[in-house]
């Protein structure tokens, strides 16, 4: 998943994953577990890992979807979908958010 992905892009991926987790205004344990596992997989530096942990306590800053490099947009969408499905249910707000993001990125 991270082959060739630059550090700042990996951090953006984690930022979007955290934004997705906050879509229903509450971080579920399953979402937290998934995001921390993804952060480890992304091989983030200590400062970026700390940012991710803080984003699980309070929502991260907004991310402009057009800042996502085209080569990784599918990876970002797949990650958002994994976060939305992590707790075993996708609510209407999450579904709508995913569809909007998909329309913007593809």
C-alpha atoms as a PDB file:
ATOM      1  CA  UNK A   1       0.000   0.000   0.000  1.00  0.00           C
ATOM      2  CA  UNK A   2       2.804   2.460   0.768  1.00  0.00           C
ATOM      3  CA  UNK A   3       5.127   1.524  -2.088  1.00  0.00           C
ATOM      4  CA  UNK A   4       6.578   4.786  -3.337  1.00  0.00           C
ATOM      5  CA  UNK A   5       4.240   6.902  -1.196  1.00  0.00           C
ATOM      6  CA  UNK A   6       6.060   9.892   0.280  1.00  0.00           C
ATOM      7  CA  UNK A   7       5.927  10.575   4.021  1.00  0.00           C
ATOM      8  CA  UNK A   8       3.674  13.638   3.676  1.00  0.00           C
ATOM      9  CA  UNK A   9       1.231  11.638   1.535  1.00  0.00           C
ATOM     10  CA  UNK A  10       1.155   8.818   4.106  1.00  0.00           C
ATOM     11  CA  UNK A  11       0.350  11.402   6.778  1.00  0.00           C
ATOM     12  CA  UNK A  12      -2.469  12.797   4.605  1.00  0.00           C
ATOM     13  CA  UNK A  13      -3.819   9.263   4.265  1.00  0.00           C
ATOM     14  CA  UNK A  14      -3.887   8.934   8.038  1.00  0.00           C
ATOM     15  CA  UNK A  15      -5.466  12.381   8.357  1.00  0.00           C
ATOM     16  CA  UNK A  16      -8.261  11.352   6.000  1.00  0.00           C
ATOM     17  CA  UNK A  17      -8.695   8.046   7.859  1.00  0.00           C
ATOM     18  CA  UNK A  18      -9.161  10.000  11.089  1.00  0.00           C
ATOM     19  CA  UNK A  19     -11.575  12.408   9.401  1.00  0.00           C
ATOM     20  CA  UNK A  20     -13.562   9.369   8.246  1.00  0.00           C
ATOM     21  CA  UNK A  21     -13.591   7.943  11.765  1.00  0.00           C
ATOM     22  CA  UNK A  22     -15.044  11.229  13.056  1.00  0.00           C
ATOM     23  CA  UNK A  23     -17.757  11.318  10.334  1.00  0.00           C
ATOM     24  CA  UNK A  24     -20.377  10.071  12.793  1.00  0.00           C
ATOM     25  CA  UNK A  25     -18.933  12.331  15.547  1.00  0.00           C
ATOM     26  CA  UNK A  26     -17.682   9.385  17.593  1.00  0.00           C
ATOM     27  CA  UNK A  27     -14.587   7.203  17.378  1.00  0.00           C
ATOM     28  CA  UNK A  28     -15.458   3.538  17.856  1.00  0.00           C
ATOM     29  CA  UNK A  29     -12.924   1.152  19.414  1.00  0.00           C
ATOM     30  CA  UNK A  30     -12.734  -0.812  16.159  1.00  0.00           C
ATOM     31  CA  UNK A  31     -11.976   2.379  14.214  1.00  0.00           C
ATOM     32  CA  UNK A  32      -9.266   3.359  16.701  1.00  0.00           C
ATOM     33  CA  UNK A  33      -7.682  -0.096  16.468  1.00  0.00           C
ATOM     34  CA  UNK A  34      -7.729  -0.032  12.662  1.00  0.00           C
ATOM     35  CA  UNK A  35      -6.279   3.474  12.451  1.00  0.00           C
ATOM     36  CA  UNK A  36      -3.452   2.700  14.872  1.00  0.00           C
ATOM     37  CA  UNK A  37      -2.651  -0.449  12.874  1.00  0.00           C
ATOM     38  CA  UNK A  38      -2.671   1.575   9.646  1.00  0.00           C
ATOM     39  CA  UNK A  39      -0.388   4.183  11.220  1.00  0.00           C
ATOM     40  CA  UNK A  40       2.104   1.438  12.081  1.00  0.00           C
ATOM     41  CA  UNK A  41       1.823   0.053   8.546  1.00  0.00           C
ATOM     42  CA  UNK A  42       2.444   3.552   7.134  1.00  0.00           C
ATOM     43  CA  UNK A  43       5.778   3.668   8.988  1.00  0.00           C
ATOM     44  CA  UNK A  44       5.131   7.214  10.161  1.00  0.00           C
ATOM     45  CA  UNK A  45       7.761   9.114  12.090  1.00  0.00           C
ATOM     46  CA  UNK A  46       7.253   9.790  15.807  1.00  0.00           C
ATOM     47  CA  UNK A  47       5.775  13.281  15.308  1.00  0.00           C
ATOM     48  CA  UNK A  48       3.317  12.099  12.667  1.00  0.00           C
ATOM     49  CA  UNK A  49       2.327   9.119  14.827  1.00  0.00           C
ATOM     50  CA  UNK A  50       1.652  11.506  17.705  1.00  0.00           C
ATOM     51  CA  UNK A  51      -0.539  13.622  15.403  1.00  0.00           C
ATOM     52  CA  UNK A  52      -2.579  10.532  14.493  1.00  0.00           C
ATOM     53  CA  UNK A  53      -3.048   9.676  18.170  1.00  0.00           C
ATOM     54  CA  UNK A  54      -4.181  13.245  18.861  1.00  0.00           C
ATOM     55  CA  UNK A  55      -6.584  13.063  15.911  1.00  0.00           C
ATOM     56  CA  UNK A  56      -8.237  10.102  17.604  1.00  0.00           C
ATOM     57  CA  UNK A  57      -8.970  12.365  20.593  1.00  0.00           C
ATOM     58  CA  UNK A  58     -10.048  15.452  18.626  1.00  0.00           C
ATOM     59  CA  UNK A  59     -10.796  15.700  14.897  1.00  0.00           C
ATOM     60  CA  UNK A  60      -7.915  16.569  12.569  1.00  0.00           C
ATOM     61  CA  UNK A  61      -7.886  19.695  10.409  1.00  0.00           C
ATOM     62  CA  UNK A  62      -9.815  19.534   7.172  1.00  0.00           C
ATOM     63  CA  UNK A  63      -8.126  18.031   4.148  1.00  0.00           C
ATOM     64  CA  UNK A  64      -8.763  19.229   0.614  1.00  0.00           C
ATOM     65  CA  UNK A  65      -9.477  16.061  -1.403  1.00  0.00           C
ATOM     66  CA  UNK A  66      -7.806  17.660  -4.408  1.00  0.00           C
ATOM     67  CA  UNK A  67      -4.522  17.636  -2.445  1.00  0.00           C
ATOM     68  CA  UNK A  68      -4.535  13.842  -2.676  1.00  0.00           C
ATOM     69  CA  UNK A  69      -2.146  12.757  -5.427  1.00  0.00           C
ATOM     70  CA  UNK A  70      -4.095  11.153  -8.281  1.00  0.00           C
ATOM     71  CA  UNK A  71      -1.913   8.026  -8.163  1.00  0.00           C
ATOM     72  CA  UNK A  72      -3.128   7.299  -4.608  1.00  0.00           C
ATOM     73  CA  UNK A  73      -6.773   8.340  -4.720  1.00  0.00           C
ATOM     74  CA  UNK A  74      -8.031   4.760  -4.933  1.00  0.00           C
ATOM     75  CA  UNK A  75      -5.871   3.817  -1.936  1.00  0.00           C
ATOM     76  CA  UNK A  76      -7.296   6.756   0.021  1.00  0.00           C
ATOM     77  CA  UNK A  77     -10.869   5.752  -0.876  1.00  0.00           C
ATOM     78  CA  UNK A  78     -10.209   2.127   0.054  1.00  0.00           C
ATOM     79  CA  UNK A  79      -8.843   3.269   3.407  1.00  0.00           C
ATOM     80  CA  UNK A  80     -11.879   5.459   4.094  1.00  0.00           C
ATOM     81  CA  UNK A  81     -14.148   2.544   3.269  1.00  0.00           C
ATOM     82  CA  UNK A  82     -12.214   0.285   5.671  1.00  0.00           C
ATOM     83  CA  UNK A  83     -12.609   2.870   8.439  1.00  0.00           C
ATOM     84  CA  UNK A  84     -16.339   3.240   7.774  1.00  0.00           C
ATOM     85  CA  UNK A  85     -16.802  -0.542   7.878  1.00  0.00           C
ATOM     86  CA  UNK A  86     -14.533  -1.117  10.911  1.00  0.00           C
ATOM     87  CA  UNK A  87     -17.339  -1.059  13.479  1.00  0.00           C
ATOM     88  CA  UNK A  88     -19.538  -3.408  11.459  1.00  0.00           C
ATOM     89  CA  UNK A  89     -22.015  -0.810  10.274  1.00  0.00           C
ATOM     90  CA  UNK A  90     -22.027   2.095   7.832  1.00  0.00           C
ATOM     91  CA  UNK A  91     -24.541   4.765   8.774  1.00  0.00           C
ATOM     92  CA  UNK A  92     -26.226   7.111   6.311  1.00  0.00           C
ATOM     93  CA  UNK A  93     -23.850  10.000   7.029  1.00  0.00           C
ATOM     94  CA  UNK A  94     -20.821   7.784   6.395  1.00  0.00           C
ATOM     95  CA  UNK A  95     -22.325   6.407   3.208  1.00  0.00           C
ATOM     96  CA  UNK A  96     -23.142   9.891   1.920  1.00  0.00           C
ATOM     97  CA  UNK A  97     -19.664  11.131   2.824  1.00  0.00           C
ATOM     98  CA  UNK A  98     -18.067   8.223   0.986  1.00  0.00           C
ATOM     99  CA  UNK A  99     -20.149   8.822  -2.146  1.00  0.00           C
ATOM    100  CA  UNK A 100     -19.231  12.521  -2.164  1.00  0.00           C
ATOM    101  CA  UNK A 101     -15.562  11.763  -1.686  1.00  0.00           C
ATOM    102  CA  UNK A 102     -15.704   9.147  -4.430  1.00  0.00           C
ATOM    103  CA  UNK A 103     -17.303  11.665  -6.802  1.00  0.00           C
ATOM    104  CA  UNK A 104     -14.561  14.188  -6.030  1.00  0.00           C
ATOM    105  CA  UNK A 105     -11.650  11.806  -6.423  1.00  0.00           C
ATOM    106  CA  UNK A 106     -12.569   9.536  -9.315  1.00  0.00           C
END
